[in-house]
C-alpha atoms as a PDB file:
ATOM      1  CA  MET A   1       5.884 -19.462 -13.356  1.00  0.00           C
ATOM      2  CA  LYS A   2       6.448 -15.923 -14.560  1.00  0.00           C
ATOM      3  CA  ALA A   3       3.979 -13.201 -13.668  1.00  0.00           C
ATOM      4  CA  GLY A   4       2.231 -11.535 -16.563  1.00  0.00           C
ATOM      5  CA  SER A   5       0.606  -8.154 -16.297  1.00  0.00           C
ATOM      6  CA  ALA A   6      -2.883  -9.620 -16.012  1.00  0.00           C
ATOM      7  CA  GLU A   7      -2.002 -12.269 -13.430  1.00  0.00           C
ATOM      8  CA  LYS A   8      -2.334 -12.204  -9.678  1.00  0.00           C
ATOM      9  CA  LEU A   9       0.372 -14.362  -8.156  1.00  0.00           C
ATOM     10  CA  VAL A  10       1.290 -15.395  -4.651  1.00  0.00           C
ATOM     11  CA  VAL A  11       4.628 -15.606  -2.867  1.00  0.00           C
ATOM     12  CA  VAL A  12       4.505 -17.716   0.306  1.00  0.00           C
ATOM     13  CA  GLU A  13       6.909 -17.616   3.251  1.00  0.00           C
ATOM     14  CA  PRO A  14       6.683 -19.667   6.458  1.00  0.00           C
ATOM     15  CA  THR A  15       6.202 -16.813   8.941  1.00  0.00           C
ATOM     16  CA  PRO A  16       5.256 -13.120   9.060  1.00  0.00           C
ATOM     17  CA  ALA A  17       8.887 -12.231   9.765  1.00  0.00           C
ATOM     18  CA  ALA A  18       9.991 -14.140   6.678  1.00  0.00           C
ATOM     19  CA  VAL A  19       7.318 -12.383   4.624  1.00  0.00           C
ATOM     20  CA  ALA A  20       8.549  -8.987   5.800  1.00  0.00           C
ATOM     21  CA  ALA A  21      12.146  -9.895   4.956  1.00  0.00           C
ATOM     22  CA  ARG A  22      11.195 -11.159   1.486  1.00  0.00           C
ATOM     23  CA  VAL A  23       9.194  -8.047   0.692  1.00  0.00           C
ATOM     24  CA  ALA A  24      11.930  -5.739   1.987  1.00  0.00           C
ATOM     25  CA  ASP A  25      14.515  -7.362  -0.262  1.00  0.00           C
ATOM     26  CA  ARG A  26      12.253  -7.179  -3.326  1.00  0.00           C
ATOM     27  CA  PHE A  27      11.366  -3.580  -2.521  1.00  0.00           C
ATOM     28  CA  LEU A  28      14.946  -2.398  -2.292  1.00  0.00           C
ATOM     29  CA  THR A  29      15.834  -4.233  -5.487  1.00  0.00           C
ATOM     30  CA  ARG A  30      12.920  -2.588  -7.284  1.00  0.00           C
ATOM     31  CA  VAL A  31      13.657   0.920  -5.969  1.00  0.00           C
ATOM     32  CA  LYS A  32      17.332   0.612  -6.887  1.00  0.00           C
ATOM     33  CA  ALA A  33      16.398  -0.409 -10.426  1.00  0.00           C
ATOM     34  CA  ARG A  34      13.838   2.362 -10.740  1.00  0.00           C
ATOM     35  CA  THR A  35      16.193   5.135  -9.555  1.00  0.00           C
ATOM     36  CA  ARG A  36      19.365   3.866 -11.241  1.00  0.00           C
ATOM     37  CA  ASN A  37      19.266   6.499 -14.000  1.00  0.00           C
ATOM     38  CA  GLY A  38      17.982   9.339 -11.857  1.00  0.00           C
ATOM     39  CA  ARG A  39      14.307   8.525 -12.248  1.00  0.00           C
ATOM     40  CA  ILE A  40      11.879   9.351  -9.455  1.00  0.00           C
ATOM     41  CA  ALA A  41      10.154   6.501  -7.624  1.00  0.00           C
ATOM     42  CA  HIS A  42       6.786   7.194  -6.012  1.00  0.00           C
ATOM     43  CA  ILE A  43       5.876   4.673  -3.309  1.00  0.00           C
ATOM     44  CA  ALA A  44       2.521   4.238  -1.565  1.00  0.00           C
ATOM     45  CA  LEU A  45       2.890   2.785   1.929  1.00  0.00           C
ATOM     46  CA  THR A  46       0.402   0.992   4.140  1.00  0.00           C
ATOM     47  CA  GLY A  47      -0.236   0.675   7.855  1.00  0.00           C
ATOM     48  CA  GLY A  48      -1.646  -2.271   9.756  1.00  0.00           C
ATOM     49  CA  SER A  49       0.608  -4.901  11.277  1.00  0.00           C
ATOM     50  CA  MET A  50       2.680  -5.790   8.227  1.00  0.00           C
ATOM     51  CA  GLY A  51       3.294  -2.293   6.860  1.00  0.00           C
ATOM     52  CA  PRO A  52       5.650  -1.259   9.683  1.00  0.00           C
ATOM     53  CA  ALA A  53       7.138  -4.769   9.831  1.00  0.00           C
ATOM     54  CA  VAL A  54       8.181  -4.541   6.185  1.00  0.00           C
ATOM     55  CA  LEU A  55       9.660  -1.084   6.693  1.00  0.00           C
ATOM     56  CA  GLN A  56      11.617  -2.237   9.740  1.00  0.00           C
ATOM     57  CA  SER A  57      13.069  -4.997   7.589  1.00  0.00           C
ATOM     58  CA  VAL A  58      13.931  -2.425   4.921  1.00  0.00           C
ATOM     59  CA  ALA A  59      15.719  -0.255   7.499  1.00  0.00           C
ATOM     60  CA  ALA A  60      17.791  -3.227   8.679  1.00  0.00           C
ATOM     61  CA  HIS A  61      18.683  -4.477   5.189  1.00  0.00           C
ATOM     62  CA  ALA A  62      22.209  -4.081   3.817  1.00  0.00           C
ATOM     63  CA  LYS A  63      20.846  -2.705   0.531  1.00  0.00           C
ATOM     64  CA  VAL A  64      19.271   0.319   2.228  1.00  0.00           C
ATOM     65  CA  ALA A  65      22.565   2.233   1.905  1.00  0.00           C
ATOM     66  CA  GLN A  66      22.609   1.635  -1.864  1.00  0.00           C
ATOM     67  CA  ILE A  67      19.509   3.744  -2.531  1.00  0.00           C
ATOM     68  CA  ASP A  68      19.542   7.440  -3.410  1.00  0.00           C
ATOM     69  CA  TRP A  69      16.582   8.321  -1.209  1.00  0.00           C
ATOM     70  CA  SER A  70      16.427  11.844  -2.629  1.00  0.00           C
ATOM     71  CA  LEU A  71      14.821  10.209  -5.681  1.00  0.00           C
ATOM     72  CA  VAL A  72      12.095   8.452  -3.676  1.00  0.00           C
ATOM     73  CA  HIS A  73       8.756  10.010  -2.703  1.00  0.00           C
ATOM     74  CA  PHE A  74       6.580   8.402  -0.052  1.00  0.00           C
ATOM     75  CA  TRP A  75       2.789   8.508   0.140  1.00  0.00           C
ATOM     76  CA  TRP A  76       0.129   6.487   1.931  1.00  0.00           C
ATOM     77  CA  GLY A  77      -2.783   4.524   0.541  1.00  0.00           C
ATOM     78  CA  ASP A  78      -4.889   5.718   3.438  1.00  0.00           C
ATOM     79  CA  GLU A  79      -4.527   7.577   6.692  1.00  0.00           C
ATOM     80  CA  ARG A  80      -6.414   7.764   9.953  1.00  0.00           C
ATOM     81  CA  PHE A  81      -7.724  11.282  10.620  1.00  0.00           C
ATOM     82  CA  VAL A  82      -6.177  11.633  14.056  1.00  0.00           C
ATOM     83  CA  ALA A  83      -3.501  13.897  15.549  1.00  0.00           C
ATOM     84  CA  ARG A  84      -0.153  13.860  13.766  1.00  0.00           C
ATOM     85  CA  GLU A  85       1.658  12.221  16.687  1.00  0.00           C
ATOM     86  CA  SER A  86      -1.092   9.711  17.436  1.00  0.00           C
ATOM     87  CA  ALA A  87       0.022   6.091  17.529  1.00  0.00           C
ATOM     88  CA  ASP A  88      -2.868   5.368  15.146  1.00  0.00           C
ATOM     89  CA  ARG A  89      -1.263   7.375  12.344  1.00  0.00           C
ATOM     90  CA  ASN A  90       0.085   5.215   9.521  1.00  0.00           C
ATOM     91  CA  ALA A  91       2.607   7.940   8.769  1.00  0.00           C
ATOM     92  CA  LEU A  92       3.941   7.947  12.337  1.00  0.00           C
ATOM     93  CA  GLN A  93       4.385   4.179  12.217  1.00  0.00           C
ATOM     94  CA  SER A  94       6.236   4.510   8.902  1.00  0.00           C
ATOM     95  CA  ARG A  95       8.432   7.310  10.208  1.00  0.00           C
ATOM     96  CA  ASN A  96       9.408   5.290  13.269  1.00  0.00           C
ATOM     97  CA  ALA A  97      10.026   2.118  11.253  1.00  0.00           C
ATOM     98  CA  LEU A  98      12.006   3.577   8.332  1.00  0.00           C
ATOM     99  CA  LEU A  99      11.680   7.192   7.298  1.00  0.00           C
ATOM    100  CA  ASN A 100      13.443   8.595  10.369  1.00  0.00           C
ATOM    101  CA  HIS A 101      16.369   6.283   9.648  1.00  0.00           C
ATOM    102  CA  ILE A 102      17.115   7.137   6.010  1.00  0.00           C
ATOM    103  CA  SER A 103      18.223  10.328   4.276  1.00  0.00           C
ATOM    104  CA  VAL A 104      14.949  11.070   2.534  1.00  0.00           C
ATOM    105  CA  PRO A 105      14.266  14.813   2.154  1.00  0.00           C
ATOM    106  CA  ALA A 106      11.320  16.082   4.194  1.00  0.00           C
ATOM    107  CA  GLU A 107       9.681  17.407   1.030  1.00  0.00           C
ATOM    108  CA  ASN A 108       9.606  13.864  -0.375  1.00  0.00           C
ATOM    109  CA  VAL A 109       7.326  12.634   2.419  1.00  0.00           C
ATOM    110  CA  HIS A 110       3.706  13.396   1.576  1.00  0.00           C
ATOM    111  CA  GLU A 111       1.459  12.879   4.569  1.00  0.00           C
ATOM    112  CA  ALA A 112      -2.267  13.465   4.504  1.00  0.00           C
ATOM    113  CA  PRO A 113      -3.188  16.317   6.877  1.00  0.00           C
ATOM    114  CA  ALA A 114      -3.848  15.270  10.470  1.00  0.00           C
ATOM    115  CA  SER A 115      -6.844  16.148  12.618  1.00  0.00           C
ATOM    116  CA  ASP A 116      -4.765  18.760  14.490  1.00  0.00           C
ATOM    117  CA  SER A 117      -3.710  20.474  11.247  1.00  0.00           C
ATOM    118  CA  GLY A 118      -6.600  22.947  11.432  1.00  0.00           C
ATOM    119  CA  LEU A 119      -8.380  21.297   8.496  1.00  0.00           C
ATOM    120  CA  THR A 120     -11.660  19.426   8.492  1.00  0.00           C
ATOM    121  CA  LEU A 121     -11.813  15.861   7.209  1.00  0.00           C
ATOM    122  CA  ASP A 122     -13.151  17.028   3.840  1.00  0.00           C
ATOM    123  CA  GLU A 123     -10.468  19.698   3.593  1.00  0.00           C
ATOM    124  CA  ALA A 124      -7.789  17.139   4.462  1.00  0.00           C
ATOM    125  CA  ALA A 125      -8.956  14.851   1.658  1.00  0.00           C
ATOM    126  CA  ALA A 126      -8.972  17.774  -0.783  1.00  0.00           C
ATOM    127  CA  ALA A 127      -5.488  18.849   0.323  1.00  0.00           C
ATOM    128  CA  TYR A 128      -4.104  15.351  -0.171  1.00  0.00           C
ATOM    129  CA  ALA A 129      -5.683  15.181  -3.634  1.00  0.00           C
ATOM    130  CA  ALA A 130      -4.091  18.523  -4.494  1.00  0.00           C
ATOM    131  CA  GLU A 131      -0.695  17.269  -3.340  1.00  0.00           C
ATOM    132  CA  LEU A 132      -1.059  14.170  -5.517  1.00  0.00           C
ATOM    133  CA  ALA A 133      -1.977  16.383  -8.465  1.00  0.00           C
ATOM    134  CA  ARG A 134       1.305  18.318  -8.115  1.00  0.00           C
ATOM    135  CA  PHE A 135       3.038  15.109  -9.216  1.00  0.00           C
ATOM    136  CA  GLY A 136       0.429  13.986 -11.703  1.00  0.00           C
ATOM    137  CA  THR A 137       1.153  12.298 -14.999  1.00  0.00           C
ATOM    138  CA  GLU A 138       0.044  13.351 -18.480  1.00  0.00           C
ATOM    139  CA  ASP A 139      -2.954  11.072 -18.105  1.00  0.00           C
ATOM    140  CA  GLU A 140      -4.044  11.426 -14.469  1.00  0.00           C
ATOM    141  CA  PRO A 141      -3.887  13.985 -11.622  1.00  0.00           C
ATOM    142  CA  TRP A 142      -1.759  11.723  -9.451  1.00  0.00           C
ATOM    143  CA  PRO A 143       1.656  10.021  -9.746  1.00  0.00           C
ATOM    144  CA  SER A 144       1.980   6.475 -11.008  1.00  0.00           C
ATOM    145  CA  PHE A 145       3.370   4.557  -8.058  1.00  0.00           C
ATOM    146  CA  ALA A 146       6.326   2.303  -8.748  1.00  0.00           C
ATOM    147  CA  VAL A 147       5.061   0.186  -5.857  1.00  0.00           C
ATOM    148  CA  CYS A 148       1.770   0.469  -4.004  1.00  0.00           C
ATOM    149  CA  PHE A 149       1.738  -1.522  -0.775  1.00  0.00           C
ATOM    150  CA  LEU A 150      -1.619  -2.705   0.525  1.00  0.00           C
ATOM    151  CA  GLY A 151      -2.619  -4.563   3.627  1.00  0.00           C
ATOM    152  CA  VAL A 152      -5.741  -6.719   3.495  1.00  0.00           C
ATOM    153  CA  GLY A 153      -8.232  -7.039   6.313  1.00  0.00           C
ATOM    154  CA  PRO A 154     -10.082 -10.241   7.229  1.00  0.00           C
ATOM    155  CA  ASP A 155     -13.106  -8.654   5.514  1.00  0.00           C
ATOM    156  CA  GLY A 156     -11.079  -8.101   2.331  1.00  0.00           C
ATOM    157  CA  HIS A 157     -10.722  -4.331   2.711  1.00  0.00           C
ATOM    158  CA  ILE A 158      -7.707  -2.470   1.287  1.00  0.00           C
ATOM    159  CA  ALA A 159      -6.602   1.051   2.233  1.00  0.00           C
ATOM    160  CA  SER A 160      -9.834   2.447   3.736  1.00  0.00           C
ATOM    161  CA  LEU A 161     -12.009   0.927   1.024  1.00  0.00           C
ATOM    162  CA  PHE A 162     -14.373  -1.322   2.952  1.00  0.00           C
ATOM    163  CA  PRO A 163     -16.829  -3.875   1.549  1.00  0.00           C
ATOM    164  CA  ASP A 164     -20.199  -2.710   0.285  1.00  0.00           C
ATOM    165  CA  ARG A 165     -19.545   0.993   0.814  1.00  0.00           C
ATOM    166  CA  THR A 166     -19.726   3.804  -1.731  1.00  0.00           C
ATOM    167  CA  GLU A 167     -16.000   4.562  -1.530  1.00  0.00           C
ATOM    168  CA  VAL A 168     -15.207   1.242  -3.226  1.00  0.00           C
ATOM    169  CA  THR A 169     -16.953   2.204  -6.461  1.00  0.00           C
ATOM    170  CA  GLU A 170     -15.876   5.861  -6.619  1.00  0.00           C
ATOM    171  CA  THR A 171     -14.034   6.658  -9.855  1.00  0.00           C
ATOM    172  CA  ASP A 172     -14.335  10.446 -10.117  1.00  0.00           C
ATOM    173  CA  ALA A 173     -11.971  11.375  -7.283  1.00  0.00           C
ATOM    174  CA  SER A 174      -8.434  10.477  -6.300  1.00  0.00           C
ATOM    175  CA  VAL A 175      -8.954  10.858  -2.553  1.00  0.00           C
ATOM    176  CA  LEU A 176     -12.043  10.435  -0.415  1.00  0.00           C
ATOM    177  CA  PRO A 177     -12.966  11.255   3.173  1.00  0.00           C
ATOM    178  CA  VAL A 178     -14.250   8.219   5.062  1.00  0.00           C
ATOM    179  CA  ARG A 179     -16.723   8.539   7.908  1.00  0.00           C
ATOM    180  CA  ASP A 180     -18.122   5.865  10.204  1.00  0.00           C
ATOM    181  CA  SER A 181     -15.405   3.406   9.221  1.00  0.00           C
ATOM    182  CA  PRO A 182     -16.322  -0.132  10.278  1.00  0.00           C
ATOM    183  CA  LYS A 183     -12.806  -0.330  11.734  1.00  0.00           C
ATOM    184  CA  PRO A 184     -11.711   2.392  14.177  1.00  0.00           C
ATOM    185  CA  PRO A 185     -10.671   5.176  14.051  1.00  0.00           C
ATOM    186  CA  SER A 186     -13.941   6.176  12.402  1.00  0.00           C
ATOM    187  CA  GLU A 187     -12.615   9.052  10.256  1.00  0.00           C
ATOM    188  CA  ARG A 188     -10.031   8.439   7.548  1.00  0.00           C
ATOM    189  CA  VAL A 189      -8.676   9.611   4.199  1.00  0.00           C
ATOM    190  CA  THR A 190      -8.211   7.062   1.423  1.00  0.00           C
ATOM    191  CA  LEU A 191      -6.983   6.740  -2.135  1.00  0.00           C
ATOM    192  CA  THR A 192      -9.544   5.401  -4.585  1.00  0.00           C
ATOM    193  CA  ARG A 193      -9.312   2.337  -6.828  1.00  0.00           C
ATOM    194  CA  PRO A 194      -8.307   4.305  -9.963  1.00  0.00           C
ATOM    195  CA  VAL A 195      -5.234   5.657  -8.150  1.00  0.00           C
ATOM    196  CA  ILE A 196      -4.299   2.290  -6.678  1.00  0.00           C
ATOM    197  CA  ASN A 197      -4.771   0.488  -9.986  1.00  0.00           C
ATOM    198  CA  SER A 198      -2.678   2.993 -11.936  1.00  0.00           C
ATOM    199  CA  SER A 199       0.338   1.782  -9.932  1.00  0.00           C
ATOM    200  CA  LYS A 200       2.950  -0.174 -11.826  1.00  0.00           C
ATOM    201  CA  ARG A 201       3.107  -2.779  -9.092  1.00  0.00           C
ATOM    202  CA  VAL A 202       0.545  -3.535  -6.430  1.00  0.00           C
ATOM    203  CA  TRP A 203       1.962  -5.619  -3.595  1.00  0.00           C
ATOM    204  CA  LEU A 204      -0.560  -6.943  -1.098  1.00  0.00           C
ATOM    205  CA  VAL A 205       1.048  -8.123   2.136  1.00  0.00           C
ATOM    206  CA  LEU A 206      -1.001 -10.251   4.511  1.00  0.00           C
ATOM    207  CA  THR A 207      -0.415 -12.867   7.150  1.00  0.00           C
ATOM    208  CA  GLY A 208      -2.437 -15.030   9.489  1.00  0.00           C
ATOM    209  CA  ALA A 209      -5.146 -17.656   9.208  1.00  0.00           C
ATOM    210  CA  ASP A 210      -7.841 -14.986   9.591  1.00  0.00           C
ATOM    211  CA  LYS A 211      -6.822 -13.610   6.174  1.00  0.00           C
ATOM    212  CA  ALA A 212      -7.078 -16.946   4.322  1.00  0.00           C
ATOM    213  CA  SER A 213     -10.713 -16.523   3.309  1.00  0.00           C
ATOM    214  CA  ALA A 214     -10.216 -12.959   2.035  1.00  0.00           C
ATOM    215  CA  LEU A 215      -7.157 -14.032   0.068  1.00  0.00           C
ATOM    216  CA  GLY A 216      -8.977 -16.983  -1.446  1.00  0.00           C
ATOM    217  CA  LEU A 217     -11.892 -14.787  -2.517  1.00  0.00           C
ATOM    218  CA  ALA A 218      -9.580 -12.119  -3.959  1.00  0.00           C
ATOM    219  CA  LEU A 219      -7.743 -14.684  -6.060  1.00  0.00           C
ATOM    220  CA  ALA A 220     -10.962 -16.381  -7.140  1.00  0.00           C
ATOM    221  CA  GLY A 221     -12.259 -13.182  -8.725  1.00  0.00           C
ATOM    222  CA  ALA A 222     -14.880 -12.161  -6.191  1.00  0.00           C
ATOM    223  CA  SER A 223     -16.739  -8.896  -6.748  1.00  0.00           C
ATOM    224  CA  TYR A 224     -14.552  -5.995  -5.671  1.00  0.00           C
ATOM    225  CA  THR A 225     -17.554  -4.296  -4.106  1.00  0.00           C
ATOM    226  CA  ASN A 226     -17.852  -7.246  -1.704  1.00  0.00           C
ATOM    227  CA  VAL A 227     -14.111  -8.000  -1.465  1.00  0.00           C
ATOM    228  CA  PRO A 228     -12.165  -4.818  -2.296  1.00  0.00           C
ATOM    229  CA  ALA A 229      -8.872  -6.746  -2.408  1.00  0.00           C
ATOM    230  CA  ALA A 230     -10.217  -8.552  -5.471  1.00  0.00           C
ATOM    231  CA  GLY A 231     -10.227  -5.240  -7.339  1.00  0.00           C
ATOM    232  CA  ALA A 232      -6.603  -4.302  -6.655  1.00  0.00           C
ATOM    233  CA  LYS A 233      -4.489  -4.713  -9.763  1.00  0.00           C
ATOM    234  CA  GLY A 234      -1.153  -3.226 -10.788  1.00  0.00           C
ATOM    235  CA  ARG A 235      -0.468  -2.322 -14.414  1.00  0.00           C
ATOM    236  CA  LYS A 236       2.642  -4.552 -14.499  1.00  0.00           C
ATOM    237  CA  ARG A 237       2.409  -6.847 -11.499  1.00  0.00           C
ATOM    238  CA  THR A 238      -0.044  -7.814  -8.777  1.00  0.00           C
ATOM    239  CA  ILE A 239       1.648  -9.880  -6.111  1.00  0.00           C
ATOM    240  CA  PHE A 240       0.297 -11.235  -2.834  1.00  0.00           C
ATOM    241  CA  PHE A 241       3.070 -11.785  -0.268  1.00  0.00           C
ATOM    242  CA  VAL A 242       1.657 -14.108   2.369  1.00  0.00           C
ATOM    243  CA  ASP A 243       2.613 -16.533   5.102  1.00  0.00           C
ATOM    244  CA  GLU A 244       1.686 -20.201   5.156  1.00  0.00           C
ATOM    245  CA  ALA A 245      -1.269 -19.601   7.467  1.00  0.00           C
ATOM    246  CA  ALA A 246      -2.857 -17.122   5.037  1.00  0.00           C
ATOM    247  CA  ALA A 247      -2.099 -19.345   2.042  1.00  0.00           C
ATOM    248  CA  ALA A 248      -4.298 -22.212   3.184  1.00  0.00           C
ATOM    249  CA  GLU A 249      -6.815 -21.720   0.357  1.00  0.00           C
ATOM    250  CA  VAL A 250      -4.396 -20.779  -2.455  1.00  0.00           C
ATOM    251  CA  ALA A 251      -4.246 -22.968  -5.553  1.00  0.00           C
ATOM    252  CA  GLU A 252      -0.761 -24.328  -6.261  1.00  0.00           C
ATOM    253  CA  ASP A 253      -0.644 -22.882  -9.785  1.00  0.00           C
ATOM    254  CA  LEU A 254      -0.988 -19.363  -8.404  1.00  0.00           C
ATOM    255  CA  ILE A 255       2.142 -19.612  -6.251  1.00  0.00           C
ATOM    256  CA  ASP A 256       5.316 -18.099  -7.727  1.00  0.00           C
ATOM    257  CA  GLN A 257       8.220 -18.526  -5.341  1.00  0.00           C
ATOM    258  CA  ALA A 258      10.652 -17.213  -7.968  1.00  0.00           C
ATOM    259  CA  TYR A 259       9.391 -13.626  -7.821  1.00  0.00           C
END
């Protein structure tokens, strides 16, 4: 079936490695189409286990040389407020997996400030919001992402928007500081739902049997305050790329292997 703008559809691959390869191919195809006529593509990356795996697959793909990376800007849906070279940094993982291996200008890589930047957590969130605003659209003080990647936790969290916390329902800010995160590290910076949902395409990438329940709830229309992944929705497409283990509770009519 074809994905309509209001639909959430699922692409299933046998293994995490196959998921990463499928997403990498779709990503490069989408970025090439977006930048073909000199248009800028803003991309929001994710961390976790699958974020770097996808980027490693991108780096190894034959199509990577076909992209004019000077037209691509990279951001992150959330970031751990740790030192810049900490292994916990999403940005460091992304740099090691892909960004250090392509000719993307340094000014096109927009990291949230790290804990050793001299800024407090609140100041880091404000600085990241200001950086987003430099590339804002006519309608919003942030760019519209061509693709926003999201991981999904077993609890259904996306970015650093965790279930039943105030950050999930915030609509008056683009970036929030997060304290006492239920998942370490405890301090983070995160995009809010309005920024995520202004993306043209939201691609949620998740694997493993421990994600099956969260995926099932997200597709069934659970409350986004309880299952934040249920509230993620791209303006053009919302696609869940999953492995067979995570797809255990997915209805057949939601699967779109053609995407």
